Amino acid sequence: MNWTLSPLDSIGPLKLGAARSRIRDTAAQLGLELKHVTETADYFTPEASIQVEYDNEDRAWFIGINATPSRFRVLFDGVDLFTTDATGVFDLFDKHEGNRTREPEPNGFTFDRQIVALWKDDPDSAAWSQIAIGTPKYLTAVQEVMGRP
């Protein structure tokens, strides 16, 4: 399965702003099992590889996907994000970001204009563990938690 990551919009058929019920229906149609549920998030298999978080209106405001290249590929600008090394993926999004004002952190980075988040479980890993997108509302909440504008 090939999915395209579209910042501020979707990863494959999973769309930001969609109601939780719509996300669940879409996932079920794709054969993805709802593995774990919290008040604000759903985790779908395989191996809880898709994480969808919801705002206070129960609409998707964060969609993250973990590296599962055997199940599906996630493409951005024609590049497979999980078979490309971390530096290559970072540079790809950085090229689309414009004027970046911060340096990347060892475990991750969020591109504020695209609202694309890259995360590594292990800072020494050659690839990103999770790549995610979010809404402007999600970015504001993250910035408040991190204490940055």
N, C-alpha and C. Protein backbone atom coordinates (compact mmCIF):
# COMPACT_ATOMS: atom_id res chain seq x y z
N MET A 1 0.85 -1.16 0.00
CA MET A 1 0.00 0.00 0.00
C MET A 1 0.90 1.24 0.00
N ASN A 2 0.71 2.14 -0.94
CA ASN A 2 1.44 3.40 -0.98
C ASN A 2 0.52 4.53 -0.53
N TRP A 3 0.99 5.30 0.43
CA TRP A 3 0.24 6.45 0.91
C TRP A 3 1.07 7.69 0.69
N THR A 4 0.43 8.77 0.34
CA THR A 4 1.10 10.06 0.18
C THR A 4 0.86 10.91 1.42
N LEU A 5 1.94 11.49 1.94
CA LEU A 5 1.83 12.44 3.04
C LEU A 5 1.64 13.82 2.43
N SER A 6 0.57 14.48 2.82
CA SER A 6 0.27 15.84 2.38
C SER A 6 0.18 16.72 3.62
N PRO A 7 1.24 17.51 3.89
CA PRO A 7 1.22 18.36 5.08
C PRO A 7 -0.07 19.18 5.16
N LEU A 8 -0.55 19.34 6.38
CA LEU A 8 -1.76 20.11 6.69
C LEU A 8 -3.04 19.48 6.15
N ASP A 9 -2.94 18.23 5.62
CA ASP A 9 -4.12 17.61 5.03
C ASP A 9 -4.31 16.14 5.42
N SER A 10 -3.35 15.28 5.01
CA SER A 10 -3.61 13.85 5.18
C SER A 10 -2.34 13.02 5.07
N ILE A 11 -2.45 11.80 5.57
CA ILE A 11 -1.50 10.74 5.26
C ILE A 11 -2.36 9.64 4.65
N GLY A 12 -2.17 9.42 3.35
CA GLY A 12 -3.03 8.48 2.66
C GLY A 12 -4.48 8.91 2.80
N PRO A 13 -5.37 7.98 3.10
CA PRO A 13 -6.79 8.30 3.19
C PRO A 13 -7.20 8.88 4.55
N LEU A 14 -6.26 8.98 5.48
CA LEU A 14 -6.58 9.51 6.81
C LEU A 14 -6.39 11.02 6.81
N LYS A 15 -7.50 11.74 7.04
CA LYS A 15 -7.48 13.19 6.87
C LYS A 15 -7.58 13.93 8.20
N LEU A 16 -6.74 14.96 8.32
CA LEU A 16 -6.86 15.87 9.45
C LEU A 16 -8.24 16.53 9.41
N GLY A 17 -8.82 16.75 10.57
CA GLY A 17 -10.14 17.37 10.66
C GLY A 17 -11.29 16.39 10.55
N ALA A 18 -10.99 15.14 10.18
CA ALA A 18 -12.06 14.14 10.07
C ALA A 18 -12.56 13.74 11.45
N ALA A 19 -13.83 13.43 11.53
CA ALA A 19 -14.41 12.95 12.79
C ALA A 19 -13.82 11.59 13.14
N ARG A 20 -13.76 11.30 14.42
CA ARG A 20 -13.21 10.01 14.89
C ARG A 20 -13.92 8.85 14.21
N SER A 21 -15.24 8.92 14.08
CA SER A 21 -15.98 7.83 13.45
C SER A 21 -15.55 7.64 11.99
N ARG A 22 -15.27 8.72 11.30
CA ARG A 22 -14.82 8.64 9.90
C ARG A 22 -13.43 8.01 9.81
N ILE A 23 -12.53 8.39 10.72
CA ILE A 23 -11.19 7.80 10.76
C ILE A 23 -11.31 6.30 11.00
N ARG A 24 -12.13 5.91 11.95
CA ARG A 24 -12.30 4.48 12.26
C ARG A 24 -12.90 3.72 11.09
N ASP A 25 -13.89 4.30 10.43
CA ASP A 25 -14.49 3.65 9.26
C ASP A 25 -13.46 3.47 8.15
N THR A 26 -12.68 4.50 7.89
CA THR A 26 -11.65 4.44 6.85
C THR A 26 -10.63 3.38 7.18
N ALA A 27 -10.17 3.36 8.42
CA ALA A 27 -9.19 2.36 8.84
C ALA A 27 -9.75 0.95 8.68
N ALA A 28 -10.99 0.74 9.08
CA ALA A 28 -11.62 -0.59 8.96
C ALA A 28 -11.71 -1.02 7.50
N GLN A 29 -12.05 -0.09 6.61
CA GLN A 29 -12.13 -0.41 5.19
C GLN A 29 -10.76 -0.82 4.63
N LEU A 30 -9.70 -0.33 5.25
CA LEU A 30 -8.34 -0.67 4.82
C LEU A 30 -7.81 -1.94 5.49
N GLY A 31 -8.63 -2.52 6.36
CA GLY A 31 -8.21 -3.73 7.06
C GLY A 31 -7.31 -3.46 8.25
N LEU A 32 -7.32 -2.23 8.75
CA LEU A 32 -6.52 -1.88 9.93
C LEU A 32 -7.37 -2.09 11.18
N GLU A 33 -6.80 -2.77 12.14
CA GLU A 33 -7.52 -3.08 13.37
C GLU A 33 -7.30 -1.99 14.40
N LEU A 34 -8.37 -1.57 15.06
CA LEU A 34 -8.28 -0.62 16.16
C LEU A 34 -7.73 -1.37 17.36
N LYS A 35 -6.49 -1.11 17.72
CA LYS A 35 -5.78 -1.91 18.72
C LYS A 35 -5.89 -1.33 20.13
N HIS A 36 -5.87 -0.01 20.23
CA HIS A 36 -5.88 0.62 21.56
C HIS A 36 -6.61 1.96 21.44
N VAL A 37 -7.38 2.30 22.47
CA VAL A 37 -8.16 3.53 22.47
C VAL A 37 -7.93 4.27 23.78
N THR A 38 -7.75 5.57 23.70
CA THR A 38 -7.77 6.43 24.89
C THR A 38 -8.84 7.48 24.66
N GLU A 39 -9.02 8.34 25.61
CA GLU A 39 -10.03 9.39 25.47
C GLU A 39 -9.74 10.30 24.28
N THR A 40 -8.44 10.49 23.99
CA THR A 40 -8.06 11.45 22.95
C THR A 40 -7.32 10.83 21.76
N ALA A 41 -7.16 9.51 21.72
CA ALA A 41 -6.37 8.91 20.64
C ALA A 41 -6.84 7.50 20.30
N ASP A 42 -6.59 7.13 19.05
CA ASP A 42 -6.80 5.76 18.56
C ASP A 42 -5.47 5.26 18.01
N TYR A 43 -5.21 3.97 18.21
CA TYR A 43 -4.00 3.32 17.70
C TYR A 43 -4.43 2.12 16.87
N PHE A 44 -3.98 2.08 15.64
CA PHE A 44 -4.37 1.02 14.72
C PHE A 44 -3.17 0.13 14.42
N THR A 45 -3.45 -1.15 14.16
CA THR A 45 -2.39 -2.10 13.78
C THR A 45 -2.16 -1.98 12.29
N PRO A 46 -1.08 -2.51 11.77
CA PRO A 46 -0.21 -3.48 12.41
C PRO A 46 0.71 -2.83 13.44
N GLU A 47 0.89 -3.52 14.56
CA GLU A 47 1.80 -3.12 15.63
C GLU A 47 1.56 -1.69 16.10
N ALA A 48 0.29 -1.28 16.18
CA ALA A 48 -0.05 0.07 16.60
C ALA A 48 0.73 1.10 15.81
N SER A 49 0.84 0.86 14.52
CA SER A 49 1.70 1.70 13.69
C SER A 49 1.07 3.01 13.24
N ILE A 50 -0.22 3.17 13.49
CA ILE A 50 -0.88 4.43 13.15
C ILE A 50 -1.51 5.00 14.42
N GLN A 51 -1.16 6.23 14.70
CA GLN A 51 -1.67 6.93 15.88
C GLN A 51 -2.45 8.15 15.40
N VAL A 52 -3.70 8.26 15.83
CA VAL A 52 -4.51 9.42 15.50
C VAL A 52 -4.97 10.04 16.81
N GLU A 53 -4.67 11.32 16.97
CA GLU A 53 -5.11 12.05 18.16
C GLU A 53 -6.20 13.02 17.75
N TYR A 54 -7.10 13.28 18.71
CA TYR A 54 -8.29 14.08 18.42
C TYR A 54 -8.35 15.30 19.34
N ASP A 55 -8.93 16.37 18.80
CA ASP A 55 -9.11 17.59 19.59
C ASP A 55 -10.36 17.46 20.46
N ASN A 56 -10.73 18.55 21.12
CA ASN A 56 -11.88 18.50 22.03
C ASN A 56 -13.22 18.41 21.29
N GLU A 57 -13.19 18.49 19.96
CA GLU A 57 -14.40 18.28 19.16
C GLU A 57 -14.41 16.90 18.51
N ASP A 58 -13.44 16.04 18.94
CA ASP A 58 -13.31 14.67 18.45
C ASP A 58 -13.01 14.61 16.96
N ARG A 59 -12.19 15.56 16.51
CA ARG A 59 -11.72 15.60 15.12
C ARG A 59 -10.21 15.40 15.11
N ALA A 60 -9.73 14.69 14.10
CA ALA A 60 -8.30 14.36 14.01
C ALA A 60 -7.48 15.64 13.89
N TRP A 61 -6.55 15.80 14.83
CA TRP A 61 -5.65 16.97 14.77
C TRP A 61 -4.19 16.54 14.72
N PHE A 62 -3.93 15.24 14.77
CA PHE A 62 -2.59 14.68 14.67
C PHE A 62 -2.72 13.28 14.08
N ILE A 63 -1.92 13.00 13.05
CA ILE A 63 -1.87 11.65 12.47
C ILE A 63 -0.40 11.28 12.36
N GLY A 64 -0.02 10.22 13.06
CA GLY A 64 1.36 9.76 13.02
C GLY A 64 1.42 8.34 12.53
N ILE A 65 2.47 8.05 11.80
CA ILE A 65 2.65 6.69 11.28
C ILE A 65 4.07 6.24 11.61
N ASN A 66 4.16 5.01 12.09
CA ASN A 66 5.46 4.44 12.43
C ASN A 66 6.00 3.64 11.26
N ALA A 67 7.28 3.42 11.28
CA ALA A 67 7.94 2.71 10.19
C ALA A 67 7.46 1.27 10.12
N THR A 68 6.70 0.96 9.09
CA THR A 68 6.26 -0.41 8.81
C THR A 68 6.36 -0.64 7.31
N PRO A 69 7.59 -0.63 6.78
CA PRO A 69 7.74 -0.70 5.32
C PRO A 69 7.18 -1.96 4.69
N SER A 70 7.01 -3.03 5.44
CA SER A 70 6.46 -4.24 4.84
C SER A 70 4.96 -4.10 4.57
N ARG A 71 4.28 -3.23 5.31
CA ARG A 71 2.84 -3.08 5.17
C ARG A 71 2.46 -1.94 4.22
N PHE A 72 3.09 -0.78 4.39
CA PHE A 72 2.82 0.31 3.49
C PHE A 72 3.97 1.28 3.43
N ARG A 73 4.02 1.99 2.33
CA ARG A 73 5.04 3.00 2.11
C ARG A 73 4.38 4.36 2.25
N VAL A 74 5.11 5.30 2.85
CA VAL A 74 4.62 6.67 2.97
C VAL A 74 5.53 7.54 2.12
N LEU A 75 4.93 8.22 1.15
CA LEU A 75 5.70 9.01 0.20
C LEU A 75 5.43 10.50 0.38
N PHE A 76 6.47 11.28 0.22
CA PHE A 76 6.34 12.73 0.16
C PHE A 76 7.26 13.22 -0.94
N ASP A 77 6.71 13.97 -1.85
CA ASP A 77 7.51 14.48 -2.97
C ASP A 77 8.20 13.34 -3.72
N GLY A 78 7.52 12.17 -3.77
CA GLY A 78 8.04 11.01 -4.47
C GLY A 78 9.09 10.20 -3.71
N VAL A 79 9.38 10.59 -2.48
CA VAL A 79 10.41 9.92 -1.68
C VAL A 79 9.75 9.04 -0.62
N ASP A 80 10.21 7.79 -0.50
CA ASP A 80 9.74 6.87 0.53
C ASP A 80 10.36 7.29 1.86
N LEU A 81 9.54 7.75 2.77
CA LEU A 81 10.04 8.37 4.00
C LEU A 81 10.66 7.38 4.99
N PHE A 82 10.32 6.10 4.88
CA PHE A 82 10.86 5.14 5.85
C PHE A 82 11.99 4.28 5.30
N THR A 83 12.29 4.40 4.03
CA THR A 83 13.48 3.72 3.50
C THR A 83 14.60 4.72 3.22
N THR A 84 14.31 5.99 3.42
CA THR A 84 15.30 7.05 3.26
C THR A 84 15.88 7.36 4.64
N ASP A 85 17.18 7.60 4.71
CA ASP A 85 17.79 7.86 6.02
C ASP A 85 17.25 9.16 6.62
N ALA A 86 17.43 9.29 7.95
CA ALA A 86 16.87 10.41 8.70
C ALA A 86 17.32 11.76 8.15
N THR A 87 18.59 11.86 7.78
CA THR A 87 19.11 13.12 7.25
C THR A 87 18.42 13.48 5.93
N GLY A 88 18.24 12.49 5.06
CA GLY A 88 17.58 12.72 3.79
C GLY A 88 16.14 13.18 3.96
N VAL A 89 15.41 12.56 4.90
CA VAL A 89 14.02 12.95 5.17
C VAL A 89 13.98 14.36 5.75
N PHE A 90 14.86 14.63 6.71
CA PHE A 90 14.91 15.97 7.31
C PHE A 90 15.16 17.02 6.22
N ASP A 91 16.16 16.77 5.38
CA ASP A 91 16.51 17.72 4.32
C ASP A 91 15.35 17.93 3.35
N LEU A 92 14.59 16.88 3.06
CA LEU A 92 13.45 16.97 2.16
C LEU A 92 12.40 17.94 2.71
N PHE A 93 12.03 17.76 3.98
CA PHE A 93 11.03 18.65 4.57
C PHE A 93 11.61 20.05 4.79
N ASP A 94 12.88 20.12 5.14
CA ASP A 94 13.54 21.40 5.36
C ASP A 94 13.50 22.24 4.08
N LYS A 95 13.69 21.59 2.95
CA LYS A 95 13.65 22.27 1.64
C LYS A 95 12.29 22.94 1.42
N HIS A 96 11.23 22.29 1.89
CA HIS A 96 9.87 22.82 1.70
C HIS A 96 9.47 23.81 2.80
N GLU A 97 10.23 23.85 3.86
CA GLU A 97 9.85 24.68 5.02
C GLU A 97 10.12 26.16 4.79
N GLY A 98 11.23 26.50 4.17
CA GLY A 98 11.59 27.91 4.04
C GLY A 98 12.57 28.31 5.12
N ASN A 99 12.30 29.39 5.80
CA ASN A 99 13.23 29.94 6.79
C ASN A 99 13.09 29.26 8.15
N ARG A 100 13.85 28.19 8.34
CA ARG A 100 13.85 27.48 9.62
C ARG A 100 14.65 28.31 10.63
N THR A 101 14.13 28.44 11.84
CA THR A 101 14.79 29.27 12.85
C THR A 101 15.40 28.46 14.00
N ARG A 102 15.19 27.14 14.01
CA ARG A 102 15.72 26.30 15.08
C ARG A 102 16.51 25.16 14.47
N GLU A 103 17.43 24.64 15.26
CA GLU A 103 18.19 23.46 14.86
C GLU A 103 17.43 22.21 15.31
N PRO A 104 17.59 21.10 14.60
CA PRO A 104 16.91 19.87 15.01
C PRO A 104 17.43 19.36 16.35
N GLU A 105 16.56 18.70 17.08
CA GLU A 105 16.93 18.07 18.33
C GLU A 105 17.25 16.60 18.04
N PRO A 106 18.03 15.93 18.93
CA PRO A 106 18.45 14.55 18.64
C PRO A 106 17.29 13.58 18.40
N ASN A 107 16.17 13.76 19.13
CA ASN A 107 15.06 12.81 19.00
C ASN A 107 13.96 13.26 18.07
N GLY A 108 13.99 14.53 17.63
CA GLY A 108 12.91 14.94 16.76
C GLY A 108 12.91 16.39 16.40
N PHE A 109 11.97 16.71 15.55
CA PHE A 109 11.83 18.10 15.08
C PHE A 109 10.44 18.27 14.50
N THR A 110 9.87 19.46 14.71
CA THR A 110 8.60 19.81 14.08
C THR A 110 8.82 20.98 13.15
N PHE A 111 8.42 20.80 11.91
CA PHE A 111 8.47 21.88 10.93
C PHE A 111 7.17 22.68 11.08
N ASP A 112 7.30 23.89 11.59
CA ASP A 112 6.13 24.67 11.99
C ASP A 112 5.23 25.09 10.83
N ARG A 113 5.76 25.40 9.68
CA ARG A 113 4.91 25.83 8.57
C ARG A 113 4.13 24.67 7.98
N GLN A 114 4.76 23.51 7.88
CA GLN A 114 4.11 22.32 7.30
C GLN A 114 3.38 21.52 8.37
N ILE A 115 3.72 21.76 9.62
CA ILE A 115 3.25 20.99 10.77
C ILE A 115 3.48 19.50 10.51
N VAL A 116 4.74 19.20 10.25
CA VAL A 116 5.23 17.84 10.09
C VAL A 116 6.20 17.58 11.23
N ALA A 117 5.96 16.50 11.96
CA ALA A 117 6.82 16.14 13.09
C ALA A 117 7.58 14.85 12.78
N LEU A 118 8.87 14.88 13.04
CA LEU A 118 9.73 13.71 12.88
C LEU A 118 10.17 13.28 14.27
N TRP A 119 10.15 11.98 14.55
CA TRP A 119 10.48 11.49 15.89
C TRP A 119 11.30 10.22 15.79
N LYS A 120 12.32 10.12 16.68
CA LYS A 120 13.13 8.90 16.78
C LYS A 120 13.04 8.38 18.21
N ASP A 121 12.83 7.06 18.35
CA ASP A 121 12.89 6.44 19.67
C ASP A 121 14.33 6.46 20.19
N ASP A 122 15.27 6.27 19.28
CA ASP A 122 16.70 6.21 19.60
C ASP A 122 17.39 7.31 18.79
N PRO A 123 18.02 8.30 19.45
CA PRO A 123 18.65 9.39 18.71
C PRO A 123 19.77 8.95 17.78
N ASP A 124 20.31 7.75 18.00
CA ASP A 124 21.38 7.24 17.13
C ASP A 124 20.85 6.45 15.94
N SER A 125 19.55 6.29 15.86
CA SER A 125 18.94 5.53 14.76
C SER A 125 19.18 6.25 13.43
N ALA A 126 19.33 5.46 12.38
CA ALA A 126 19.55 6.03 11.04
C ALA A 126 18.25 6.47 10.37
N ALA A 127 17.10 6.11 10.95
CA ALA A 127 15.82 6.47 10.34
C ALA A 127 14.87 7.02 11.41
N TRP A 128 13.84 7.72 10.97
CA TRP A 128 12.82 8.24 11.89
C TRP A 128 11.90 7.10 12.30
N SER A 129 11.50 7.08 13.58
CA SER A 129 10.56 6.08 14.08
C SER A 129 9.13 6.43 13.72
N GLN A 130 8.80 7.71 13.77
CA GLN A 130 7.45 8.15 13.45
C GLN A 130 7.53 9.45 12.66
N ILE A 131 6.64 9.57 11.70
CA ILE A 131 6.47 10.80 10.94
C ILE A 131 5.00 11.15 11.05
N ALA A 132 4.73 12.42 11.37
CA ALA A 132 3.36 12.81 11.66
C ALA A 132 3.04 14.17 11.07
N ILE A 133 1.74 14.42 10.95
CA ILE A 133 1.24 15.72 10.54
C ILE A 133 0.23 16.20 11.58
N GLY A 134 0.01 17.49 11.61
CA GLY A 134 -0.95 18.04 12.55
C GLY A 134 -1.63 19.28 12.00
N THR A 135 -2.60 19.75 12.76
CA THR A 135 -3.33 20.96 12.40
C THR A 135 -2.67 22.16 13.10
N PRO A 136 -3.00 23.37 12.68
CA PRO A 136 -2.49 24.56 13.38
C PRO A 136 -2.87 24.56 14.87
N LYS A 137 -4.05 24.09 15.18
CA LYS A 137 -4.49 24.01 16.57
C LYS A 137 -3.59 23.06 17.37
N TYR A 138 -3.21 21.94 16.76
CA TYR A 138 -2.30 20.99 17.41
C TYR A 138 -0.94 21.64 17.63
N LEU A 139 -0.43 22.33 16.63
CA LEU A 139 0.87 22.98 16.75
C LEU A 139 0.87 23.99 17.89
N THR A 140 -0.19 24.78 18.01
CA THR A 140 -0.28 25.75 19.09
C THR A 140 -0.23 25.06 20.45
N ALA A 141 -0.95 23.95 20.59
CA ALA A 141 -0.94 23.21 21.86
C ALA A 141 0.45 22.68 22.17
N VAL A 142 1.15 22.14 21.18
CA VAL A 142 2.51 21.62 21.37
C VAL A 142 3.45 22.75 21.76
N GLN A 143 3.36 23.88 21.08
CA GLN A 143 4.23 25.01 21.39
C GLN A 143 4.01 25.50 22.80
N GLU A 144 2.77 25.51 23.26
CA GLU A 144 2.49 25.93 24.63
C GLU A 144 3.12 24.98 25.64
N VAL A 145 3.02 23.68 25.38
CA VAL A 145 3.63 22.68 26.28
C VAL A 145 5.15 22.82 26.30
N MET A 146 5.73 23.11 25.12
CA MET A 146 7.18 23.20 25.01
C MET A 146 7.70 24.59 25.43
N GLY A 147 6.78 25.53 25.66
CA GLY A 147 7.17 26.86 26.08
C GLY A 147 7.86 27.67 25.01
N ARG A 148 7.41 27.50 23.77
CA ARG A 148 7.99 28.31 22.70
C ARG A 148 6.88 28.90 21.84
N PRO A 149 7.17 30.05 21.23
CA PRO A 149 6.14 30.71 20.40
C PRO A 149 5.91 29.99 19.10
